[in-house]
Amino acid sequence: MEDPIVQALLATHPSLGRVLRPLHTMLGLRYPPSIKRPKSTKPRPKRIRKPKRQPSFMDQYKINPDGSIDFTPEQLHEILGPPPPPVPPWHQPFIPSFNVKKLWRKGP
């Protein structure tokens, strides 16, 4: 790097420092002043910070220690919509009813 030809080449083509810097790093050498990066005159841009955490969707509900959620009737209506209309009796499932005492036989 002390060779006058290399010094003249770096003076005319400063971009050669970009090639030589990684080579010096790989060999574990310190940069000579001729290939050090010049100090930037521009100020660094300010870091863009993430916006603060928005309130979670679940913050509006009360979560119990066992993991269950207590909903108010208004919240249930908002989530599920209006309750379904009542089912007429002819659409309800047929469940036969019987008297156990009549069916129970005494003895063999």
N, C-alpha and C. Protein backbone atom coordinates (compact mmCIF):
# COMPACT_ATOMS: atom_id res chain seq x y z
N MET A 1 0.83 -1.20 0.00
CA MET A 1 0.00 0.00 0.00
C MET A 1 0.87 1.25 0.00
N GLU A 2 2.14 1.11 0.38
CA GLU A 2 3.01 2.28 0.38
C GLU A 2 3.61 2.55 -1.00
N ASP A 3 3.33 1.67 -1.95
CA ASP A 3 3.88 1.84 -3.29
C ASP A 3 3.33 3.13 -3.91
N PRO A 4 4.18 3.96 -4.52
CA PRO A 4 3.69 5.23 -5.10
C PRO A 4 2.70 5.02 -6.24
N ILE A 5 2.81 3.90 -6.94
CA ILE A 5 1.87 3.65 -8.04
C ILE A 5 0.47 3.40 -7.47
N VAL A 6 0.40 2.60 -6.39
CA VAL A 6 -0.89 2.32 -5.75
C VAL A 6 -1.47 3.61 -5.15
N GLN A 7 -0.60 4.43 -4.55
CA GLN A 7 -1.06 5.71 -3.98
C GLN A 7 -1.63 6.61 -5.08
N ALA A 8 -0.95 6.66 -6.23
CA ALA A 8 -1.43 7.50 -7.33
C ALA A 8 -2.74 6.94 -7.88
N LEU A 9 -2.82 5.61 -7.96
CA LEU A 9 -4.04 4.99 -8.47
C LEU A 9 -5.22 5.27 -7.54
N LEU A 10 -4.99 5.18 -6.22
CA LEU A 10 -6.06 5.47 -5.25
C LEU A 10 -6.44 6.95 -5.28
N ALA A 11 -5.48 7.83 -5.56
CA ALA A 11 -5.78 9.27 -5.63
C ALA A 11 -6.66 9.56 -6.84
N THR A 12 -6.41 8.86 -7.96
CA THR A 12 -7.22 9.13 -9.15
C THR A 12 -8.54 8.36 -9.13
N HIS A 13 -8.53 7.16 -8.51
CA HIS A 13 -9.75 6.33 -8.46
C HIS A 13 -10.04 5.94 -7.00
N PRO A 14 -10.69 6.81 -6.26
CA PRO A 14 -10.96 6.48 -4.86
C PRO A 14 -11.88 5.27 -4.69
N SER A 15 -12.59 4.90 -5.76
CA SER A 15 -13.50 3.75 -5.64
C SER A 15 -12.74 2.44 -5.47
N LEU A 16 -11.43 2.41 -5.74
CA LEU A 16 -10.64 1.21 -5.50
C LEU A 16 -10.58 0.87 -4.01
N GLY A 17 -10.75 1.86 -3.18
CA GLY A 17 -10.79 1.61 -1.74
C GLY A 17 -11.92 0.67 -1.38
N ARG A 18 -12.99 0.71 -2.15
CA ARG A 18 -14.14 -0.17 -1.90
C ARG A 18 -13.77 -1.64 -2.14
N VAL A 19 -12.84 -1.88 -3.04
CA VAL A 19 -12.37 -3.23 -3.32
C VAL A 19 -11.34 -3.65 -2.27
N LEU A 20 -10.50 -2.72 -1.86
CA LEU A 20 -9.39 -3.06 -0.96
C LEU A 20 -9.82 -3.18 0.51
N ARG A 21 -10.85 -2.48 0.91
CA ARG A 21 -11.28 -2.53 2.31
C ARG A 21 -11.67 -3.95 2.74
N PRO A 22 -12.54 -4.68 1.98
CA PRO A 22 -12.86 -6.05 2.40
C PRO A 22 -11.63 -6.97 2.40
N LEU A 23 -10.70 -6.71 1.48
CA LEU A 23 -9.49 -7.53 1.43
C LEU A 23 -8.66 -7.34 2.70
N HIS A 24 -8.56 -6.10 3.15
CA HIS A 24 -7.84 -5.82 4.39
C HIS A 24 -8.55 -6.46 5.58
N THR A 25 -9.87 -6.44 5.55
CA THR A 25 -10.63 -7.03 6.66
C THR A 25 -10.41 -8.55 6.69
N MET A 26 -10.44 -9.21 5.53
CA MET A 26 -10.23 -10.65 5.49
C MET A 26 -8.84 -11.04 5.97
N LEU A 27 -7.85 -10.21 5.66
CA LEU A 27 -6.47 -10.51 6.07
C LEU A 27 -6.18 -10.06 7.50
N GLY A 28 -7.12 -9.35 8.11
CA GLY A 28 -6.94 -8.90 9.48
C GLY A 28 -6.01 -7.70 9.60
N LEU A 29 -5.93 -6.90 8.56
CA LEU A 29 -5.06 -5.73 8.56
C LEU A 29 -5.87 -4.47 8.86
N ARG A 30 -5.19 -3.45 9.37
CA ARG A 30 -5.87 -2.16 9.57
C ARG A 30 -5.88 -1.40 8.25
N TYR A 31 -6.92 -0.59 8.10
CA TYR A 31 -7.00 0.20 6.87
C TYR A 31 -5.93 1.29 6.90
N PRO A 32 -5.24 1.48 5.81
CA PRO A 32 -4.37 2.66 5.74
C PRO A 32 -5.25 3.90 5.50
N PRO A 33 -4.75 5.07 5.85
CA PRO A 33 -5.58 6.28 5.68
C PRO A 33 -6.04 6.51 4.25
N SER A 34 -5.32 5.97 3.29
CA SER A 34 -5.68 6.23 1.89
C SER A 34 -6.96 5.50 1.47
N ILE A 35 -7.32 4.39 2.14
CA ILE A 35 -8.55 3.68 1.72
C ILE A 35 -9.67 3.79 2.74
N LYS A 36 -9.46 4.53 3.82
CA LYS A 36 -10.55 4.71 4.78
C LYS A 36 -11.68 5.48 4.12
N ARG A 37 -12.88 5.16 4.55
CA ARG A 37 -14.04 5.86 4.00
C ARG A 37 -14.05 7.30 4.51
N PRO A 38 -14.37 8.23 3.63
CA PRO A 38 -14.45 9.61 4.10
C PRO A 38 -15.66 9.78 5.01
N LYS A 39 -15.54 10.70 5.96
CA LYS A 39 -16.67 10.99 6.86
C LYS A 39 -17.80 11.60 6.05
N SER A 40 -18.99 11.16 6.33
CA SER A 40 -20.16 11.67 5.64
C SER A 40 -20.48 13.08 6.12
N THR A 41 -20.83 13.94 5.19
CA THR A 41 -21.21 15.31 5.56
C THR A 41 -22.71 15.41 5.81
N LYS A 42 -23.46 14.42 5.30
CA LYS A 42 -24.90 14.43 5.50
C LYS A 42 -25.23 13.94 6.91
N PRO A 43 -26.22 14.54 7.53
CA PRO A 43 -26.64 13.99 8.82
C PRO A 43 -27.36 12.66 8.61
N ARG A 44 -27.23 11.78 9.57
CA ARG A 44 -27.92 10.49 9.48
C ARG A 44 -29.42 10.71 9.56
N PRO A 45 -30.18 9.95 8.79
CA PRO A 45 -31.65 10.08 8.92
C PRO A 45 -32.09 9.56 10.28
N LYS A 46 -33.12 10.21 10.81
CA LYS A 46 -33.64 9.76 12.09
C LYS A 46 -34.29 8.40 11.94
N ARG A 47 -34.12 7.60 12.98
CA ARG A 47 -34.68 6.26 12.96
C ARG A 47 -36.20 6.35 13.07
N ILE A 48 -36.87 5.60 12.23
CA ILE A 48 -38.33 5.59 12.27
C ILE A 48 -38.74 4.63 13.37
N ARG A 49 -39.44 5.15 14.33
CA ARG A 49 -39.88 4.32 15.44
C ARG A 49 -41.22 3.68 15.12
N LYS A 50 -41.39 2.48 15.63
CA LYS A 50 -42.66 1.80 15.46
C LYS A 50 -43.72 2.54 16.27
N PRO A 51 -44.93 2.58 15.76
CA PRO A 51 -45.98 3.21 16.57
C PRO A 51 -46.25 2.37 17.82
N LYS A 52 -46.73 3.04 18.84
CA LYS A 52 -47.03 2.32 20.07
C LYS A 52 -48.09 1.28 19.80
N ARG A 53 -48.07 0.25 20.61
CA ARG A 53 -48.97 -0.89 20.42
C ARG A 53 -50.42 -0.42 20.50
N GLN A 54 -51.16 -0.81 19.48
CA GLN A 54 -52.58 -0.49 19.47
C GLN A 54 -53.29 -1.39 20.48
N PRO A 55 -54.37 -0.93 21.06
CA PRO A 55 -55.09 -1.81 21.99
C PRO A 55 -55.57 -3.05 21.25
N SER A 56 -55.41 -4.17 21.88
CA SER A 56 -55.78 -5.43 21.27
C SER A 56 -57.30 -5.54 21.14
N PHE A 57 -57.70 -6.34 20.18
CA PHE A 57 -59.13 -6.60 19.98
C PHE A 57 -59.72 -7.24 21.23
N MET A 58 -58.91 -8.08 21.91
CA MET A 58 -59.41 -8.80 23.07
C MET A 58 -59.43 -7.95 24.34
N ASP A 59 -58.87 -6.74 24.30
CA ASP A 59 -58.86 -5.90 25.50
C ASP A 59 -60.27 -5.48 25.92
N GLN A 60 -61.22 -5.52 24.99
CA GLN A 60 -62.57 -5.07 25.32
C GLN A 60 -63.37 -6.14 26.07
N TYR A 61 -62.82 -7.35 26.18
CA TYR A 61 -63.52 -8.44 26.86
C TYR A 61 -62.82 -8.77 28.17
N LYS A 62 -63.60 -9.25 29.12
CA LYS A 62 -63.05 -9.63 30.42
C LYS A 62 -62.66 -11.10 30.33
N ILE A 63 -61.36 -11.38 30.48
CA ILE A 63 -60.87 -12.75 30.40
C ILE A 63 -60.63 -13.26 31.81
N ASN A 64 -61.25 -14.37 32.14
CA ASN A 64 -61.12 -14.97 33.47
C ASN A 64 -59.81 -15.74 33.59
N PRO A 65 -59.37 -16.03 34.83
CA PRO A 65 -58.11 -16.77 35.00
C PRO A 65 -58.11 -18.15 34.33
N ASP A 66 -59.28 -18.78 34.20
CA ASP A 66 -59.31 -20.10 33.56
C ASP A 66 -59.34 -20.01 32.03
N GLY A 67 -59.33 -18.80 31.48
CA GLY A 67 -59.30 -18.61 30.04
C GLY A 67 -60.65 -18.36 29.42
N SER A 68 -61.73 -18.48 30.20
CA SER A 68 -63.06 -18.22 29.64
C SER A 68 -63.28 -16.71 29.57
N ILE A 69 -64.23 -16.32 28.75
CA ILE A 69 -64.50 -14.89 28.53
C ILE A 69 -65.93 -14.60 28.95
N ASP A 70 -66.11 -13.55 29.73
CA ASP A 70 -67.45 -13.10 30.11
C ASP A 70 -67.90 -12.02 29.13
N PHE A 71 -69.01 -12.28 28.44
CA PHE A 71 -69.55 -11.31 27.51
C PHE A 71 -70.77 -10.64 28.13
N THR A 72 -70.94 -9.37 27.83
CA THR A 72 -72.17 -8.69 28.21
C THR A 72 -73.21 -9.03 27.14
N PRO A 73 -74.49 -8.89 27.45
CA PRO A 73 -75.51 -9.16 26.42
C PRO A 73 -75.34 -8.30 25.17
N GLU A 74 -74.87 -7.07 25.35
CA GLU A 74 -74.66 -6.20 24.18
C GLU A 74 -73.53 -6.74 23.30
N GLN A 75 -72.46 -7.23 23.94
CA GLN A 75 -71.35 -7.78 23.16
C GLN A 75 -71.77 -9.05 22.43
N LEU A 76 -72.57 -9.88 23.08
CA LEU A 76 -73.05 -11.09 22.42
C LEU A 76 -73.93 -10.75 21.22
N HIS A 77 -74.79 -9.75 21.39
CA HIS A 77 -75.66 -9.34 20.29
C HIS A 77 -74.82 -8.80 19.14
N GLU A 78 -73.73 -8.08 19.47
CA GLU A 78 -72.86 -7.52 18.45
C GLU A 78 -72.10 -8.63 17.71
N ILE A 79 -71.65 -9.65 18.44
CA ILE A 79 -70.87 -10.72 17.84
C ILE A 79 -71.76 -11.68 17.06
N LEU A 80 -72.85 -12.14 17.68
CA LEU A 80 -73.67 -13.19 17.09
C LEU A 80 -74.84 -12.68 16.26
N GLY A 81 -75.19 -11.42 16.43
CA GLY A 81 -76.34 -10.89 15.72
C GLY A 81 -77.60 -11.15 16.54
N PRO A 82 -78.76 -10.85 15.98
CA PRO A 82 -80.00 -11.06 16.73
C PRO A 82 -80.26 -12.55 16.94
N PRO A 83 -81.00 -12.89 17.99
CA PRO A 83 -81.29 -14.32 18.22
C PRO A 83 -82.18 -14.86 17.11
N PRO A 84 -82.10 -16.16 16.83
CA PRO A 84 -82.93 -16.72 15.75
C PRO A 84 -84.40 -16.72 16.15
N PRO A 85 -85.29 -16.73 15.17
CA PRO A 85 -86.72 -16.76 15.50
C PRO A 85 -87.07 -18.11 16.14
N PRO A 86 -88.14 -18.15 16.92
CA PRO A 86 -88.51 -19.41 17.56
C PRO A 86 -88.92 -20.45 16.51
N VAL A 87 -88.66 -21.71 16.81
CA VAL A 87 -88.98 -22.80 15.89
C VAL A 87 -90.43 -23.23 16.13
N PRO A 88 -91.25 -23.33 15.08
CA PRO A 88 -92.63 -23.78 15.29
C PRO A 88 -92.66 -25.24 15.74
N PRO A 89 -93.72 -25.66 16.43
CA PRO A 89 -93.75 -27.01 16.99
C PRO A 89 -93.65 -28.11 15.93
N TRP A 90 -94.15 -27.90 14.71
CA TRP A 90 -94.10 -28.95 13.69
C TRP A 90 -92.69 -29.13 13.11
N HIS A 91 -91.77 -28.21 13.45
CA HIS A 91 -90.38 -28.34 13.00
C HIS A 91 -89.47 -28.85 14.10
N GLN A 92 -89.99 -28.99 15.30
CA GLN A 92 -89.16 -29.46 16.40
C GLN A 92 -88.98 -30.96 16.29
N PRO A 93 -87.85 -31.47 16.74
CA PRO A 93 -87.63 -32.92 16.63
C PRO A 93 -88.61 -33.68 17.51
N PHE A 94 -88.99 -34.87 17.04
CA PHE A 94 -89.94 -35.69 17.78
C PHE A 94 -89.19 -36.51 18.82
N ILE A 95 -89.56 -36.35 20.08
CA ILE A 95 -88.97 -37.12 21.16
C ILE A 95 -90.11 -37.91 21.78
N PRO A 96 -90.10 -39.24 21.57
CA PRO A 96 -91.22 -40.02 22.12
C PRO A 96 -91.18 -40.01 23.63
N SER A 97 -92.32 -39.91 24.23
CA SER A 97 -92.39 -39.94 25.69
C SER A 97 -93.07 -41.25 26.11
N PHE A 98 -92.60 -41.80 27.16
CA PHE A 98 -93.20 -43.04 27.65
C PHE A 98 -93.14 -43.06 29.16
N ASN A 99 -94.01 -43.86 29.73
CA ASN A 99 -94.11 -43.98 31.17
C ASN A 99 -93.28 -45.19 31.60
N VAL A 100 -92.28 -44.95 32.41
CA VAL A 100 -91.38 -46.02 32.85
C VAL A 100 -92.13 -47.02 33.71
N LYS A 101 -93.06 -46.56 34.52
CA LYS A 101 -93.78 -47.46 35.43
C LYS A 101 -94.61 -48.47 34.64
N LYS A 102 -95.19 -48.08 33.51
CA LYS A 102 -95.99 -49.00 32.72
C LYS A 102 -95.11 -50.03 32.02
N LEU A 103 -93.89 -49.63 31.67
CA LEU A 103 -93.01 -50.54 30.95
C LEU A 103 -92.25 -51.48 31.89
N TRP A 104 -92.21 -51.15 33.17
CA TRP A 104 -91.45 -51.95 34.11
C TRP A 104 -92.25 -53.20 34.48
N ARG A 105 -91.63 -54.34 34.24
CA ARG A 105 -92.33 -55.59 34.57
C ARG A 105 -91.86 -56.08 35.93
N LYS A 106 -92.82 -56.61 36.65
CA LYS A 106 -92.47 -57.11 37.98
C LYS A 106 -92.12 -58.59 37.88
N GLY A 107 -90.95 -58.90 38.34
CA GLY A 107 -90.55 -60.31 38.38
C GLY A 107 -90.33 -60.92 37.03
N PRO A 108 -89.91 -62.21 37.02
CA PRO A 108 -89.66 -62.89 35.74
C PRO A 108 -90.89 -63.43 35.07
